[in-house]
Amino acid sequence: MGNIVPTWLMAGDAHEEVAHRIAHQGLHPVLDIGSGQGRLSDVLPARWPYVGIESSPTQLRRNTGGTVVRGDASHLPFADRTLGAVAALWMLYHL
């Protein structure tokens, strides 16, 4: 059967490009809204300040990168100007 390609790769993955831009511009901490299984955290430089927010308990259990909390994208628990970058990759259709 060959190698199984993850579904996020079949549609085209933007995570590496976004991580490169975040790192290049020194933007931190990063908030990853709808962090899923932590793909953005996986491609950011090691120990990059990162917080993922995800509403799915299943996705949270699979996410091993950085700090990840269960939350709702429409009610973010962060004060203005406390984040260097905010990403919402492959999740807007959930809203």
C-alpha atoms as a PDB file:
ATOM      1  CA  MET A   1       0.000   0.000   0.000  1.00  0.00           C
ATOM      2  CA  GLY A   2       2.969   2.346   0.378  1.00  0.00           C
ATOM      3  CA  ASN A   3       3.226   5.241   2.759  1.00  0.00           C
ATOM      4  CA  ILE A   4       0.052   6.789   4.085  1.00  0.00           C
ATOM      5  CA  VAL A   5       0.010  10.554   3.570  1.00  0.00           C
ATOM      6  CA  PRO A   6      -1.531  12.552   6.435  1.00  0.00           C
ATOM      7  CA  THR A   7      -4.700  14.311   5.294  1.00  0.00           C
ATOM      8  CA  TRP A   8      -3.329  17.744   6.223  1.00  0.00           C
ATOM      9  CA  LEU A   9      -0.528  17.230   3.704  1.00  0.00           C
ATOM     10  CA  MET A  10      -2.872  16.331   0.864  1.00  0.00           C
ATOM     11  CA  ALA A  11      -4.520  19.763   0.994  1.00  0.00           C
ATOM     12  CA  GLY A  12      -1.192  21.594   1.245  1.00  0.00           C
ATOM     13  CA  ASP A  13       0.434  22.486   4.539  1.00  0.00           C
ATOM     14  CA  ALA A  14       1.050  26.103   5.501  1.00  0.00           C
ATOM     15  CA  HIS A  15       2.476  25.385   8.951  1.00  0.00           C
ATOM     16  CA  GLU A  16       6.152  25.373   7.954  1.00  0.00           C
ATOM     17  CA  GLU A  17       5.862  28.645   6.042  1.00  0.00           C
ATOM     18  CA  VAL A  18       4.010  30.294   8.931  1.00  0.00           C
ATOM     19  CA  ALA A  19       6.529  28.976  11.485  1.00  0.00           C
ATOM     20  CA  HIS A  20       9.408  30.267   9.369  1.00  0.00           C
ATOM     21  CA  ARG A  21       7.859  33.734   9.197  1.00  0.00           C
ATOM     22  CA  ILE A  22       7.141  33.787  12.950  1.00  0.00           C
ATOM     23  CA  ALA A  23      10.705  32.743  13.796  1.00  0.00           C
ATOM     24  CA  HIS A  24      12.304  35.046  11.207  1.00  0.00           C
ATOM     25  CA  GLN A  25      10.428  38.030  12.639  1.00  0.00           C
ATOM     26  CA  GLY A  26      11.061  36.968  16.246  1.00  0.00           C
ATOM     27  CA  LEU A  27       7.360  36.953  17.107  1.00  0.00           C
ATOM     28  CA  HIS A  28       6.633  35.393  20.489  1.00  0.00           C
ATOM     29  CA  PRO A  29       4.773  34.120  22.267  1.00  0.00           C
ATOM     30  CA  VAL A  30       2.663  32.430  19.601  1.00  0.00           C
ATOM     31  CA  LEU A  31      -0.998  31.592  20.093  1.00  0.00           C
ATOM     32  CA  ASP A  32      -2.172  28.746  17.877  1.00  0.00           C
ATOM     33  CA  ILE A  33      -5.975  28.879  17.743  1.00  0.00           C
ATOM     34  CA  GLY A  34      -7.420  25.486  16.877  1.00  0.00           C
ATOM     35  CA  SER A  35      -4.032  23.929  17.494  1.00  0.00           C
ATOM     36  CA  GLY A  36      -5.218  20.418  16.710  1.00  0.00           C
ATOM     37  CA  GLN A  37      -2.414  17.933  17.202  1.00  0.00           C
ATOM     38  CA  GLY A  38       0.257  20.649  17.501  1.00  0.00           C
ATOM     39  CA  ARG A  39       1.632  20.806  13.974  1.00  0.00           C
ATOM     40  CA  LEU A  40       2.677  24.468  14.291  1.00  0.00           C
ATOM     41  CA  SER A  41       4.515  23.735  17.526  1.00  0.00           C
ATOM     42  CA  ASP A  42       6.271  20.834  15.792  1.00  0.00           C
ATOM     43  CA  VAL A  43       7.781  23.108  13.129  1.00  0.00           C
ATOM     44  CA  LEU A  44       8.660  26.120  15.285  1.00  0.00           C
ATOM     45  CA  PRO A  45      12.214  26.277  16.654  1.00  0.00           C
ATOM     46  CA  ALA A  46      12.788  24.229  19.817  1.00  0.00           C
ATOM     47  CA  ARG A  47      11.475  25.847  23.012  1.00  0.00           C
ATOM     48  CA  TRP A  48       9.768  28.682  21.085  1.00  0.00           C
ATOM     49  CA  PRO A  49       7.176  30.322  23.387  1.00  0.00           C
ATOM     50  CA  TYR A  50       3.920  28.709  22.229  1.00  0.00           C
ATOM     51  CA  VAL A  51       0.380  28.284  23.510  1.00  0.00           C
ATOM     52  CA  GLY A  52      -2.172  26.158  21.687  1.00  0.00           C
ATOM     53  CA  ILE A  53      -5.892  26.506  22.284  1.00  0.00           C
ATOM     54  CA  GLU A  54      -8.161  23.688  21.163  1.00  0.00           C
ATOM     55  CA  SER A  55     -11.776  22.754  21.878  1.00  0.00           C
ATOM     56  CA  SER A  56     -11.475  19.048  21.057  1.00  0.00           C
ATOM     57  CA  PRO A  57     -10.402  16.792  23.948  1.00  0.00           C
ATOM     58  CA  THR A  58      -9.257  14.191  21.406  1.00  0.00           C
ATOM     59  CA  GLN A  59      -6.976  16.666  19.640  1.00  0.00           C
ATOM     60  CA  LEU A  60      -5.661  17.937  22.980  1.00  0.00           C
ATOM     61  CA  ARG A  61      -4.592  14.437  23.986  1.00  0.00           C
ATOM     62  CA  ARG A  62      -2.653  14.063  20.720  1.00  0.00           C
ATOM     63  CA  ASN A  63      -0.916  17.444  21.036  1.00  0.00           C
ATOM     64  CA  THR A  64       2.483  17.098  22.694  1.00  0.00           C
ATOM     65  CA  GLY A  65       4.013  20.473  21.865  1.00  0.00           C
ATOM     66  CA  GLY A  66       4.235  23.474  24.149  1.00  0.00           C
ATOM     67  CA  THR A  67       1.455  24.591  26.445  1.00  0.00           C
ATOM     68  CA  VAL A  68      -1.968  23.542  25.213  1.00  0.00           C
ATOM     69  CA  VAL A  69      -5.288  24.435  26.825  1.00  0.00           C
ATOM     70  CA  ARG A  70      -8.891  23.568  26.137  1.00  0.00           C
ATOM     71  CA  GLY A  71     -10.759  26.644  25.025  1.00  0.00           C
ATOM     72  CA  ASP A  72     -13.064  28.354  22.572  1.00  0.00           C
ATOM     73  CA  ALA A  73     -11.737  30.452  19.692  1.00  0.00           C
ATOM     74  CA  SER A  74     -14.534  32.982  20.185  1.00  0.00           C
ATOM     75  CA  HIS A  75     -13.582  33.629  23.841  1.00  0.00           C
ATOM     76  CA  LEU A  76      -9.808  33.895  24.064  1.00  0.00           C
ATOM     77  CA  PRO A  77      -8.439  34.295  27.610  1.00  0.00           C
ATOM     78  CA  PHE A  78      -5.578  36.663  26.698  1.00  0.00           C
ATOM     79  CA  ALA A  79      -5.181  40.373  27.301  1.00  0.00           C
ATOM     80  CA  ASP A  80      -4.557  42.686  24.365  1.00  0.00           C
ATOM     81  CA  ARG A  81      -0.924  42.995  23.264  1.00  0.00           C
ATOM     82  CA  THR A  82       0.315  39.959  25.191  1.00  0.00           C
ATOM     83  CA  LEU A  83       1.021  37.838  22.106  1.00  0.00           C
ATOM     84  CA  GLY A  84       3.605  38.272  19.395  1.00  0.00           C
ATOM     85  CA  ALA A  85       1.703  36.235  16.820  1.00  0.00           C
ATOM     86  CA  VAL A  86      -1.648  34.528  16.454  1.00  0.00           C
ATOM     87  CA  ALA A  87      -2.224  31.681  14.006  1.00  0.00           C
ATOM     88  CA  ALA A  88      -5.538  30.101  13.006  1.00  0.00           C
ATOM     89  CA  LEU A  89      -4.515  27.477  10.459  1.00  0.00           C
ATOM     90  CA  TRP A  90      -6.995  25.048   8.933  1.00  0.00           C
ATOM     91  CA  MET A  91      -9.639  25.811  11.536  1.00  0.00           C
ATOM     92  CA  LEU A  92     -11.771  28.746  10.387  1.00  0.00           C
ATOM     93  CA  TYR A  93     -14.361  26.453   8.809  1.00  0.00           C
ATOM     94  CA  HIS A  94     -15.135  25.209  12.343  1.00  0.00           C
ATOM     95  CA  LEU A  95     -16.416  28.680  13.240  1.00  0.00           C
END
